[in-house]
PDB file of all heavy atoms in Angstrom:
ATOM      1  N   SER A   1       0.849  -1.143  -0.027  1.00  0.00           N
ATOM      2  CA  SER A   1      -0.057  -0.021   0.025  1.00  0.00           C
ATOM      3  C   SER A   1       0.904   1.244   0.016  1.00  0.00           C
ATOM      4  O   SER A   1       0.309   2.396  -0.141  1.00  0.00           O
ATOM      5  CB  SER A   1      -0.933   0.058   1.265  1.00  0.00           C
ATOM      6  OG  SER A   1      -0.259   0.187   2.435  1.00  0.00           O
ATOM      7  N   GLY A   2       2.163   1.105   0.148  1.00  0.00           N
ATOM      8  CA  GLY A   2       3.005   2.223  -0.018  1.00  0.00           C
ATOM      9  C   GLY A   2       3.639   2.260  -1.449  1.00  0.00           C
ATOM     10  O   GLY A   2       3.079   3.023  -2.315  1.00  0.00           O
ATOM     11  N   ALA A   3       4.795   1.588  -1.659  1.00  0.00           N
ATOM     12  CA  ALA A   3       5.537   1.748  -2.929  1.00  0.00           C
ATOM     13  C   ALA A   3       4.763   1.305  -4.153  1.00  0.00           C
ATOM     14  O   ALA A   3       4.473   2.037  -5.106  1.00  0.00           O
ATOM     15  CB  ALA A   3       6.816   0.938  -2.806  1.00  0.00           C
ATOM     16  N   VAL A   4       4.156   0.067  -4.044  1.00  0.00           N
ATOM     17  CA  VAL A   4       3.394  -0.506  -5.229  1.00  0.00           C
ATOM     18  C   VAL A   4       2.177   0.313  -5.552  1.00  0.00           C
ATOM     19  O   VAL A   4       1.890   0.601  -6.629  1.00  0.00           O
ATOM     20  CB  VAL A   4       3.073  -2.004  -4.926  1.00  0.00           C
ATOM     21  CG1 VAL A   4       2.210  -2.439  -6.139  1.00  0.00           C
ATOM     22  CG2 VAL A   4       4.333  -2.835  -4.817  1.00  0.00           C
ATOM     23  N   ALA A   5       1.445   0.625  -4.390  1.00  0.00           N
ATOM     24  CA  ALA A   5       0.224   1.469  -4.687  1.00  0.00           C
ATOM     25  C   ALA A   5       0.546   2.710  -5.359  1.00  0.00           C
ATOM     26  O   ALA A   5      -0.231   3.210  -6.189  1.00  0.00           O
ATOM     27  CB  ALA A   5      -0.503   1.615  -3.305  1.00  0.00           C
ATOM     28  N   PHE A   6       1.626   3.492  -4.942  1.00  0.00           N
ATOM     29  CA  PHE A   6       1.898   4.737  -5.556  1.00  0.00           C
ATOM     30  C   PHE A   6       2.315   4.580  -7.037  1.00  0.00           C
ATOM     31  O   PHE A   6       1.972   5.445  -7.843  1.00  0.00           O
ATOM     32  CB  PHE A   6       2.932   5.494  -4.708  1.00  0.00           C
ATOM     33  CG  PHE A   6       2.229   6.319  -3.668  1.00  0.00           C
ATOM     34  CD1 PHE A   6       2.337   5.896  -2.367  1.00  0.00           C
ATOM     35  CD2 PHE A   6       1.568   7.538  -3.971  1.00  0.00           C
ATOM     36  CE1 PHE A   6       1.716   6.607  -1.262  1.00  0.00           C
ATOM     37  CE2 PHE A   6       0.980   8.272  -2.911  1.00  0.00           C
ATOM     38  CZ  PHE A   6       1.122   7.776  -1.512  1.00  0.00           C
ATOM     39  N   LEU A   7       2.971   3.458  -7.334  1.00  0.00           N
ATOM     40  CA  LEU A   7       3.274   3.321  -8.745  1.00  0.00           C
ATOM     41  C   LEU A   7       1.979   3.105  -9.514  1.00  0.00           C
ATOM     42  O   LEU A   7       1.844   3.630 -10.668  1.00  0.00           O
ATOM     43  CB  LEU A   7       4.242   2.038  -8.849  1.00  0.00           C
ATOM     44  CG  LEU A   7       5.560   2.087  -8.298  1.00  0.00           C
ATOM     45  CD1 LEU A   7       6.330   0.788  -8.442  1.00  0.00           C
ATOM     46  CD2 LEU A   7       6.367   3.240  -8.877  1.00  0.00           C
ATOM     47  N   LEU A   8       1.037   2.433  -8.993  1.00  0.00           N
ATOM     48  CA  LEU A   8      -0.277   2.210  -9.570  1.00  0.00           C
ATOM     49  C   LEU A   8      -0.943   3.635  -9.751  1.00  0.00           C
ATOM     50  O   LEU A   8      -1.593   3.995 -10.695  1.00  0.00           O
ATOM     51  CB  LEU A   8      -1.213   1.349  -8.825  1.00  0.00           C
ATOM     52  CG  LEU A   8      -0.796  -0.226  -8.873  1.00  0.00           C
ATOM     53  CD1 LEU A   8      -2.008  -1.010  -8.213  1.00  0.00           C
ATOM     54  CD2 LEU A   8      -0.809  -0.680 -10.422  1.00  0.00           C
ATOM     55  N   TYR A   9      -0.793   4.355  -8.745  1.00  0.00           N
ATOM     56  CA  TYR A   9      -1.404   5.656  -8.717  1.00  0.00           C
ATOM     57  C   TYR A   9      -0.880   6.584  -9.776  1.00  0.00           C
ATOM     58  O   TYR A   9      -1.590   7.288 -10.453  1.00  0.00           O
ATOM     59  CB  TYR A   9      -1.158   6.366  -7.306  1.00  0.00           C
ATOM     60  CG  TYR A   9      -1.548   7.842  -7.200  1.00  0.00           C
ATOM     61  CD1 TYR A   9      -2.896   8.192  -6.966  1.00  0.00           C
ATOM     62  CD2 TYR A   9      -0.630   8.821  -7.407  1.00  0.00           C
ATOM     63  CE1 TYR A   9      -3.211   9.592  -6.917  1.00  0.00           C
ATOM     64  CE2 TYR A   9      -1.053  10.125  -7.341  1.00  0.00           C
ATOM     65  CZ  TYR A   9      -2.342  10.489  -7.040  1.00  0.00           C
ATOM     66  OH  TYR A   9      -2.824  11.786  -7.097  1.00  0.00           O
ATOM     67  N   PHE A  10       0.407   6.606  -9.932  1.00  0.00           N
ATOM     68  CA  PHE A  10       1.053   7.368 -11.092  1.00  0.00           C
ATOM     69  C   PHE A  10       0.490   6.907 -12.413  1.00  0.00           C
ATOM     70  O   PHE A  10       0.255   7.665 -13.368  1.00  0.00           O
ATOM     71  CB  PHE A  10       2.534   7.315 -11.054  1.00  0.00           C
ATOM     72  CG  PHE A  10       3.163   7.842  -9.738  1.00  0.00           C
ATOM     73  CD1 PHE A  10       4.182   7.065  -9.194  1.00  0.00           C
ATOM     74  CD2 PHE A  10       2.721   8.930  -9.224  1.00  0.00           C
ATOM     75  CE1 PHE A  10       4.765   7.631  -7.976  1.00  0.00           C
ATOM     76  CE2 PHE A  10       3.262   9.350  -7.923  1.00  0.00           C
ATOM     77  CZ  PHE A  10       4.265   8.793  -7.376  1.00  0.00           C
ATOM     78  N   GLU A  11       0.387   5.607 -12.587  1.00  0.00           N
ATOM     79  CA  GLU A  11      -0.102   5.072 -13.910  1.00  0.00           C
ATOM     80  C   GLU A  11      -1.492   5.474 -14.162  1.00  0.00           C
ATOM     81  O   GLU A  11      -1.881   5.820 -15.270  1.00  0.00           O
ATOM     82  CB  GLU A  11       0.074   3.478 -13.857  1.00  0.00           C
ATOM     83  CG  GLU A  11      -0.509   2.798 -15.083  1.00  0.00           C
ATOM     84  CD  GLU A  11       0.271   3.225 -16.363  1.00  0.00           C
ATOM     85  OE1 GLU A  11       1.455   3.648 -16.335  1.00  0.00           O
ATOM     86  OE2 GLU A  11      -0.213   3.035 -17.481  1.00  0.00           O
ATOM     87  N   LEU A  12      -2.363   5.433 -13.097  1.00  0.00           N
ATOM     88  CA  LEU A  12      -3.706   5.714 -13.191  1.00  0.00           C
ATOM     89  C   LEU A  12      -3.896   7.280 -13.423  1.00  0.00           C
ATOM     90  O   LEU A  12      -4.781   7.728 -14.199  1.00  0.00           O
ATOM     91  CB  LEU A  12      -4.572   5.197 -12.061  1.00  0.00           C
ATOM     92  CG  LEU A  12      -4.873   3.816 -12.054  1.00  0.00           C
ATOM     93  CD1 LEU A  12      -5.464   3.389 -10.632  1.00  0.00           C
ATOM     94  CD2 LEU A  12      -5.800   3.331 -13.115  1.00  0.00           C
ATOM     95  N   LEU A  13      -3.073   8.025 -12.797  1.00  0.00           N
ATOM     96  CA  LEU A  13      -3.053   9.446 -13.018  1.00  0.00           C
ATOM     97  C   LEU A  13      -2.905   9.857 -14.359  1.00  0.00           C
ATOM     98  O   LEU A  13      -3.482  10.801 -14.961  1.00  0.00           O
ATOM     99  CB  LEU A  13      -2.099  10.133 -11.996  1.00  0.00           C
ATOM    100  CG  LEU A  13      -2.100  11.697 -11.844  1.00  0.00           C
ATOM    101  CD1 LEU A  13      -3.464  12.069 -11.325  1.00  0.00           C
ATOM    102  CD2 LEU A  13      -0.998  12.143 -11.078  1.00  0.00           C
ATOM    103  N   ASP A  14      -1.914   9.160 -14.990  1.00  0.00           N
ATOM    104  CA  ASP A  14      -1.599   9.405 -16.427  1.00  0.00           C
ATOM    105  C   ASP A  14      -2.770   8.936 -17.403  1.00  0.00           C
ATOM    106  O   ASP A  14      -3.074   9.563 -18.367  1.00  0.00           O
ATOM    107  CB  ASP A  14      -0.331   8.603 -16.833  1.00  0.00           C
ATOM    108  CG  ASP A  14       0.052   8.929 -18.296  1.00  0.00           C
ATOM    109  OD1 ASP A  14       0.330  10.080 -18.590  1.00  0.00           O
ATOM    110  OD2 ASP A  14       0.194   7.934 -19.090  1.00  0.00           O
ATOM    111  N   ARG A  15      -3.450   7.823 -17.039  1.00  0.00           N
ATOM    112  CA  ARG A  15      -4.514   7.347 -17.839  1.00  0.00           C
ATOM    113  C   ARG A  15      -5.811   8.084 -17.595  1.00  0.00           C
ATOM    114  O   ARG A  15      -6.588   8.300 -18.566  1.00  0.00           O
ATOM    115  CB  ARG A  15      -4.763   5.785 -17.544  1.00  0.00           C
ATOM    116  CG  ARG A  15      -3.605   4.829 -17.859  1.00  0.00           C
ATOM    117  CD  ARG A  15      -4.112   3.418 -17.627  1.00  0.00           C
ATOM    118  NE  ARG A  15      -3.044   2.576 -17.836  1.00  0.00           N
ATOM    119  CZ  ARG A  15      -3.153   1.191 -17.917  1.00  0.00           C
ATOM    120  NH1 ARG A  15      -4.381   0.625 -17.818  1.00  0.00           N
ATOM    121  NH2 ARG A  15      -2.104   0.403 -18.011  1.00  0.00           N
ATOM    122  N   LEU A  16      -6.101   8.370 -16.389  1.00  0.00           N
ATOM    123  CA  LEU A  16      -7.512   8.940 -16.049  1.00  0.00           C
ATOM    124  C   LEU A  16      -7.511  10.381 -15.811  1.00  0.00           C
ATOM    125  O   LEU A  16      -8.505  11.041 -15.994  1.00  0.00           O
ATOM    126  CB  LEU A  16      -8.073   8.109 -14.842  1.00  0.00           C
ATOM    127  CG  LEU A  16      -8.296   6.698 -14.908  1.00  0.00           C
ATOM    128  CD1 LEU A  16      -8.664   6.090 -13.628  1.00  0.00           C
ATOM    129  CD2 LEU A  16      -9.354   6.326 -15.994  1.00  0.00           C
ATOM    130  N   GLY A  17      -6.396  10.838 -15.278  1.00  0.00           N
ATOM    131  CA  GLY A  17      -6.270  12.321 -14.880  1.00  0.00           C
ATOM    132  C   GLY A  17      -6.835  12.387 -13.427  1.00  0.00           C
ATOM    133  O   GLY A  17      -7.471  11.448 -12.873  1.00  0.00           O
ATOM    134  N   PRO A  18      -6.613  13.487 -12.721  1.00  0.00           N
ATOM    135  CA  PRO A  18      -7.031  13.659 -11.317  1.00  0.00           C
ATOM    136  C   PRO A  18      -8.458  13.621 -11.110  1.00  0.00           C
ATOM    137  O   PRO A  18      -8.952  13.319  -9.929  1.00  0.00           O
ATOM    138  CB  PRO A  18      -6.395  14.975 -10.926  1.00  0.00           C
ATOM    139  CG  PRO A  18      -6.224  15.785 -12.233  1.00  0.00           C
ATOM    140  CD  PRO A  18      -5.948  14.619 -13.248  1.00  0.00           C
ATOM    141  N   THR A  19      -9.253  14.094 -12.060  1.00  0.00           N
ATOM    142  CA  THR A  19     -10.732  14.148 -11.883  1.00  0.00           C
ATOM    143  C   THR A  19     -11.373  12.811 -11.598  1.00  0.00           C
ATOM    144  O   THR A  19     -11.905  12.620 -10.539  1.00  0.00           O
ATOM    145  CB  THR A  19     -11.469  14.739 -13.116  1.00  0.00           C
ATOM    146  OG1 THR A  19     -10.835  16.028 -13.361  1.00  0.00           O
ATOM    147  CG2 THR A  19     -12.948  14.795 -12.914  1.00  0.00           C
ATOM    148  N   GLU A  20     -11.095  11.831 -12.368  1.00  0.00           N
ATOM    149  CA  GLU A  20     -11.677  10.489 -12.184  1.00  0.00           C
ATOM    150  C   GLU A  20     -11.022   9.759 -11.079  1.00  0.00           C
ATOM    151  O   GLU A  20     -11.647   9.096 -10.236  1.00  0.00           O
ATOM    152  CB  GLU A  20     -11.587   9.612 -13.485  1.00  0.00           C
ATOM    153  CG  GLU A  20     -12.430  10.105 -14.607  1.00  0.00           C
ATOM    154  CD  GLU A  20     -12.405   9.161 -15.796  1.00  0.00           C
ATOM    155  OE1 GLU A  20     -12.641   7.963 -15.712  1.00  0.00           O
ATOM    156  OE2 GLU A  20     -12.062   9.649 -16.851  1.00  0.00           O
ATOM    157  N   LEU A  21      -9.699   9.936 -10.916  1.00  0.00           N
ATOM    158  CA  LEU A  21      -8.931   9.180  -9.902  1.00  0.00           C
ATOM    159  C   LEU A  21      -9.370   9.682  -8.429  1.00  0.00           C
ATOM    160  O   LEU A  21      -9.227   9.020  -7.515  1.00  0.00           O
ATOM    161  CB  LEU A  21      -7.530   9.412 -10.169  1.00  0.00           C
ATOM    162  CG  LEU A  21      -6.620   8.520  -9.309  1.00  0.00           C
ATOM    163  CD1 LEU A  21      -6.909   7.063  -9.431  1.00  0.00           C
ATOM    164  CD2 LEU A  21      -5.000   8.746  -9.671  1.00  0.00           C
ATOM    165  N   ASN A  22      -9.851  10.920  -8.387  1.00  0.00           N
ATOM    166  CA  ASN A  22     -10.216  11.526  -7.118  1.00  0.00           C
ATOM    167  C   ASN A  22     -11.340  10.692  -6.446  1.00  0.00           C
ATOM    168  O   ASN A  22     -11.470  10.666  -5.195  1.00  0.00           O
ATOM    169  CB  ASN A  22     -10.755  12.879  -7.268  1.00  0.00           C
ATOM    170  CG  ASN A  22     -10.742  13.811  -6.032  1.00  0.00           C
ATOM    171  OD1 ASN A  22      -9.933  13.435  -5.075  1.00  0.00           O
ATOM    172  ND2 ASN A  22     -11.609  14.607  -5.903  1.00  0.00           N
ATOM    173  N   LEU A  23     -12.169   9.936  -7.204  1.00  0.00           N
ATOM    174  CA  LEU A  23     -13.227   9.087  -6.671  1.00  0.00           C
ATOM    175  C   LEU A  23     -12.751   7.983  -5.909  1.00  0.00           C
ATOM    176  O   LEU A  23     -13.562   7.303  -5.264  1.00  0.00           O
ATOM    177  CB  LEU A  23     -14.119   8.735  -7.781  1.00  0.00           C
ATOM    178  CG  LEU A  23     -14.880   9.771  -8.493  1.00  0.00           C
ATOM    179  CD1 LEU A  23     -15.783   9.210  -9.607  1.00  0.00           C
ATOM    180  CD2 LEU A  23     -15.827  10.504  -7.556  1.00  0.00           C
ATOM    181  N   ILE A  24     -11.499   7.664  -5.931  1.00  0.00           N
ATOM    182  CA  ILE A  24     -11.063   6.458  -5.330  1.00  0.00           C
ATOM    183  C   ILE A  24     -11.171   6.624  -3.785  1.00  0.00           C
ATOM    184  O   ILE A  24     -11.201   5.502  -3.025  1.00  0.00           O
ATOM    185  CB  ILE A  24      -9.557   6.115  -5.696  1.00  0.00           C
ATOM    186  CG1 ILE A  24      -9.147   4.644  -5.434  1.00  0.00           C
ATOM    187  CG2 ILE A  24      -8.589   7.008  -4.911  1.00  0.00           C
ATOM    188  CD1 ILE A  24      -8.017   4.142  -6.087  1.00  0.00           C
ATOM    189  N   GLY A  25     -11.088   7.854  -3.313  1.00  0.00           N
ATOM    190  CA  GLY A  25     -11.325   8.057  -1.922  1.00  0.00           C
ATOM    191  C   GLY A  25     -12.666   7.514  -1.374  1.00  0.00           C
ATOM    192  O   GLY A  25     -12.840   7.397  -0.184  1.00  0.00           O
ATOM    193  N   TYR A  26     -13.664   7.364  -2.327  1.00  0.00           N
ATOM    194  CA  TYR A  26     -14.983   6.898  -1.764  1.00  0.00           C
ATOM    195  C   TYR A  26     -15.073   5.395  -2.040  1.00  0.00           C
ATOM    196  O   TYR A  26     -16.200   4.870  -1.704  1.00  0.00           O
ATOM    197  CB  TYR A  26     -16.064   7.741  -2.497  1.00  0.00           C
ATOM    198  CG  TYR A  26     -15.935   9.104  -2.011  1.00  0.00           C
ATOM    199  CD1 TYR A  26     -15.307  10.079  -2.677  1.00  0.00           C
ATOM    200  CD2 TYR A  26     -16.748   9.428  -0.734  1.00  0.00           C
ATOM    201  CE1 TYR A  26     -15.202  11.408  -2.205  1.00  0.00           C
ATOM    202  CE2 TYR A  26     -16.576  10.735  -0.332  1.00  0.00           C
ATOM    203  CZ  TYR A  26     -15.801  11.736  -0.999  1.00  0.00           C
ATOM    204  OH  TYR A  26     -15.770  12.945  -0.491  1.00  0.00           O
ATOM    205  N   VAL A  27     -14.125   4.730  -2.594  1.00  0.00           N
ATOM    206  CA  VAL A  27     -14.138   3.303  -2.682  1.00  0.00           C
ATOM    207  C   VAL A  27     -13.400   2.670  -1.506  1.00  0.00           C
ATOM    208  O   VAL A  27     -13.740   1.526  -1.073  1.00  0.00           O
ATOM    209  CB  VAL A  27     -13.576   2.800  -4.015  1.00  0.00           C
ATOM    210  CG1 VAL A  27     -13.570   1.336  -4.158  1.00  0.00           C
ATOM    211  CG2 VAL A  27     -14.235   3.583  -5.284  1.00  0.00           C
ATOM    212  N   GLU A  28     -12.378   3.396  -1.144  1.00  0.00           N
ATOM    213  CA  GLU A  28     -11.595   2.914   0.063  1.00  0.00           C
ATOM    214  C   GLU A  28     -12.417   2.551   1.227  1.00  0.00           C
ATOM    215  O   GLU A  28     -12.195   1.454   1.928  1.00  0.00           O
ATOM    216  CB  GLU A  28     -10.490   3.910   0.395  1.00  0.00           C
ATOM    217  CG  GLU A  28      -9.433   4.059  -0.670  1.00  0.00           C
ATOM    218  CD  GLU A  28      -8.519   5.286  -0.311  1.00  0.00           C
ATOM    219  OE1 GLU A  28      -8.339   5.674   0.801  1.00  0.00           O
ATOM    220  OE2 GLU A  28      -8.001   5.808  -1.274  1.00  0.00           O
ATOM    221  N   PRO A  29     -13.270   3.390   1.735  1.00  0.00           N
ATOM    222  CA  PRO A  29     -13.986   3.023   2.942  1.00  0.00           C
ATOM    223  C   PRO A  29     -14.794   1.740   2.718  1.00  0.00           C
ATOM    224  O   PRO A  29     -15.049   1.038   3.748  1.00  0.00           O
ATOM    225  CB  PRO A  29     -14.925   4.186   3.202  1.00  0.00           C
ATOM    226  CG  PRO A  29     -14.324   5.341   2.524  1.00  0.00           C
ATOM    227  CD  PRO A  29     -13.623   4.756   1.264  1.00  0.00           C
ATOM    228  N   VAL A  30     -15.328   1.517   1.543  1.00  0.00           N
ATOM    229  CA  VAL A  30     -16.094   0.247   1.335  1.00  0.00           C
ATOM    230  C   VAL A  30     -15.115  -1.070   1.509  1.00  0.00           C
ATOM    231  O   VAL A  30     -15.500  -1.962   2.149  1.00  0.00           O
ATOM    232  CB  VAL A  30     -16.662   0.165  -0.106  1.00  0.00           C
ATOM    233  CG1 VAL A  30     -17.397  -1.000  -0.379  1.00  0.00           C
ATOM    234  CG2 VAL A  30     -17.597   1.454  -0.243  1.00  0.00           C
ATOM    235  N   VAL A  31     -13.969  -0.836   0.936  1.00  0.00           N
ATOM    236  CA  VAL A  31     -13.007  -1.989   1.076  1.00  0.00           C
ATOM    237  C   VAL A  31     -12.517  -2.020   2.505  1.00  0.00           C
ATOM    238  O   VAL A  31     -12.386  -3.220   2.974  1.00  0.00           O
ATOM    239  CB  VAL A  31     -11.611  -1.618   0.118  1.00  0.00           C
ATOM    240  CG1 VAL A  31     -10.609  -2.665   0.453  1.00  0.00           C
ATOM    241  CG2 VAL A  31     -12.037  -1.593  -1.226  1.00  0.00           C
TER     242      VAL A  31
END
């Protein structure tokens, strides 16, 4: 959840942009 997750974050930021990726904060509580 540190190094690997941030690498995924950078990849998704490039693919989706910050607008769509911002919604991940509302999936985390469900998980």
